[in-house]
C-alpha atoms as a PDB file:
ATOM      1  CA  MET A   1      55.031  91.356  90.893  1.00  0.00           C
ATOM      2  CA  PRO A   2      55.985  95.018  90.666  1.00  0.00           C
ATOM      3  CA  ASN A   3      59.167  95.896  88.764  1.00  0.00           C
ATOM      4  CA  HIS A   4      60.862  97.283  91.867  1.00  0.00           C
ATOM      5  CA  TYR A   5      60.536  93.852  93.517  1.00  0.00           C
ATOM      6  CA  TYR A   6      62.874  92.309  90.940  1.00  0.00           C
ATOM      7  CA  SER A   7      65.183  95.328  91.004  1.00  0.00           C
ATOM      8  CA  ASP A   8      65.467  95.033  94.779  1.00  0.00           C
ATOM      9  CA  LEU A   9      66.220  91.307  94.485  1.00  0.00           C
ATOM     10  CA  TYR A  10      68.922  91.898  91.854  1.00  0.00           C
ATOM     11  CA  LEU A  11      70.552  94.534  94.057  1.00  0.00           C
ATOM     12  CA  LYS A  12      70.399  92.195  97.027  1.00  0.00           C
ATOM     13  CA  LEU A  13      71.975  89.425  94.957  1.00  0.00           C
ATOM     14  CA  GLN A  14      74.747  91.692  93.664  1.00  0.00           C
ATOM     15  CA  GLY A  15      75.684  92.765  97.180  1.00  0.00           C
ATOM     16  CA  LEU A  16      75.308  89.372  98.822  1.00  0.00           C
ATOM     17  CA  ASN A  17      78.306  88.068 100.736  1.00  0.00           C
ATOM     18  CA  GLN A  18      78.916  85.440 103.378  1.00  0.00           C
ATOM     19  CA  GLY A  19      79.598  87.820 106.242  1.00  0.00           C
ATOM     20  CA  SER A  20      78.939  86.040 109.551  1.00  0.00           C
ATOM     21  CA  ARG A  21      76.817  83.312 107.910  1.00  0.00           C
ATOM     22  CA  SER A  22      78.047  79.783 107.443  1.00  0.00           C
ATOM     23  CA  VAL A  23      78.880  78.817 103.863  1.00  0.00           C
ATOM     24  CA  ASP A  24      75.727  76.688 103.779  1.00  0.00           C
ATOM     25  CA  GLU A  25      73.532  79.606 104.921  1.00  0.00           C
ATOM     26  CA  TYR A  26      75.193  81.942 102.415  1.00  0.00           C
ATOM     27  CA  PHE A  27      74.741  79.496  99.530  1.00  0.00           C
ATOM     28  CA  LYS A  28      71.092  78.832 100.406  1.00  0.00           C
ATOM     29  CA  LYS A  29      70.400  82.576 100.609  1.00  0.00           C
ATOM     30  CA  MET A  30      72.031  83.056  97.193  1.00  0.00           C
ATOM     31  CA  GLU A  31      69.951  80.227  95.715  1.00  0.00           C
ATOM     32  CA  ILE A  32      66.697  81.590  97.157  1.00  0.00           C
ATOM     33  CA  ILE A  33      67.314  85.080  95.825  1.00  0.00           C
ATOM     34  CA  MET A  34      68.250  83.712  92.394  1.00  0.00           C
ATOM     35  CA  ILE A  35      65.055  81.637  92.267  1.00  0.00           C
ATOM     36  CA  ARG A  36      62.845  84.506  93.420  1.00  0.00           C
ATOM     37  CA  ALA A  37      64.449  86.888  90.929  1.00  0.00           C
ATOM     38  CA  ASN A  38      64.219  84.249  88.191  1.00  0.00           C
ATOM     39  CA  VAL A  39      67.939  84.593  87.459  1.00  0.00           C
ATOM     40  CA  ILE A  40      69.161  82.283  84.745  1.00  0.00           C
ATOM     41  CA  GLU A  41      72.890  82.429  84.115  1.00  0.00           C
ATOM     42  CA  ASP A  42      75.633  80.133  82.939  1.00  0.00           C
ATOM     43  CA  ARG A  43      77.487  77.915  85.389  1.00  0.00           C
ATOM     44  CA  GLU A  44      80.678  79.977  85.294  1.00  0.00           C
ATOM     45  CA  THR A  45      78.828  83.150  86.277  1.00  0.00           C
ATOM     46  CA  THR A  46      77.131  81.431  89.206  1.00  0.00           C
ATOM     47  CA  VAL A  47      80.448  79.935  90.350  1.00  0.00           C
ATOM     48  CA  ALA A  48      82.097  83.372  90.151  1.00  0.00           C
ATOM     49  CA  ARG A  49      79.165  84.947  92.045  1.00  0.00           C
ATOM     50  CA  PHE A  50      79.446  82.350  94.823  1.00  0.00           C
ATOM     51  CA  LEU A  51      83.238  82.600  95.061  1.00  0.00           C
ATOM     52  CA  ASN A  52      83.203  86.402  95.103  1.00  0.00           C
ATOM     53  CA  GLY A  53      80.819  86.487  98.068  1.00  0.00           C
ATOM     54  CA  LEU A  54      82.810  84.099 100.261  1.00  0.00           C
ATOM     55  CA  ASN A  55      84.831  85.388 103.174  1.00  0.00           C
ATOM     56  CA  ARG A  56      88.394  86.137 102.081  1.00  0.00           C
ATOM     57  CA  LYS A  57      90.143  83.274 103.935  1.00  0.00           C
ATOM     58  CA  ILE A  58      87.753  80.707 102.487  1.00  0.00           C
ATOM     59  CA  MET A  59      87.952  82.250  99.020  1.00  0.00           C
ATOM     60  CA  ASN A  60      91.752  82.102  99.091  1.00  0.00           C
ATOM     61  CA  VAL A  61      91.703  78.344  99.753  1.00  0.00           C
ATOM     62  CA  ILE A  62      88.941  77.608  97.231  1.00  0.00           C
ATOM     63  CA  GLU A  63      90.639  79.625  94.475  1.00  0.00           C
ATOM     64  CA  LEU A  64      93.618  77.249  94.629  1.00  0.00           C
ATOM     65  CA  GLN A  65      91.405  74.315  93.668  1.00  0.00           C
ATOM     66  CA  HIS A  66      89.956  73.433  90.281  1.00  0.00           C
ATOM     67  CA  TYR A  67      86.218  72.872  90.314  1.00  0.00           C
ATOM     68  CA  ILE A  68      83.905  71.975  87.485  1.00  0.00           C
ATOM     69  CA  GLU A  69      80.716  71.759  89.507  1.00  0.00           C
ATOM     70  CA  LEU A  70      79.338  74.423  91.840  1.00  0.00           C
ATOM     71  CA  GLU A  71      78.244  71.751  94.307  1.00  0.00           C
ATOM     72  CA  ASP A  72      81.840  70.525  94.697  1.00  0.00           C
ATOM     73  CA  MET A  73      82.986  74.084  95.359  1.00  0.00           C
ATOM     74  CA  VAL A  74      80.232  74.608  97.945  1.00  0.00           C
ATOM     75  CA  HIS A  75      81.144  71.390  99.766  1.00  0.00           C
ATOM     76  CA  MET A  76      84.834  72.294  99.867  1.00  0.00           C
ATOM     77  CA  ALA A  77      84.007  75.808 101.095  1.00  0.00           C
ATOM     78  CA  MET A  78      81.863  74.286 103.855  1.00  0.00           C
ATOM     79  CA  LYS A  79      84.795  72.078 104.915  1.00  0.00           C
ATOM     80  CA  VAL A  80      87.178  75.040 104.963  1.00  0.00           C
ATOM     81  CA  ASP A  81      84.629  77.083 106.934  1.00  0.00           C
ATOM     82  CA  ARG A  82      84.323  74.339 109.565  1.00  0.00           C
ATOM     83  CA  GLN A  83      88.097  73.976 109.742  1.00  0.00           C
ATOM     84  CA  ILE A  84      88.574  77.715 110.292  1.00  0.00           C
ATOM     85  CA  LYS A  85      85.929  77.733 113.032  1.00  0.00           C
ATOM     86  CA  ARG A  86      87.553  74.731 114.731  1.00  0.00           C
ATOM     87  CA  ARG A  87      90.860  76.558 114.817  1.00  0.00           C
ATOM     88  CA  GLY A  88      89.186  79.578 116.376  1.00  0.00           C
ATOM     89  CA  ILE A  89      90.022  81.946 113.533  1.00  0.00           C
ATOM     90  CA  THR A  90      86.901  84.060 113.310  1.00  0.00           C
ATOM     91  CA  HIS A  91      88.092  87.360 111.858  1.00  0.00           C
ATOM     92  CA  PHE A  92      88.298  87.769 108.112  1.00  0.00           C
END
């Protein structure tokens, strides 16, 4: 692969955020980019990357919790996302 391919992927990863995606879609996109870019980082960095890209209302709830595993954080963020959508709060 050309060098610019990996540079483009790293830039995409750095700027990735949830936006209008569901938490599940956002997390899967992050995972795919990390795999394609061959990113290997410690657990804390990946957790921080995921948390930083979440929509603000979801991030605020998740930050109050203590998580050891990324998967637990993702599942809780998905629950919060569904709860927010059920309540009809769509603006972040």
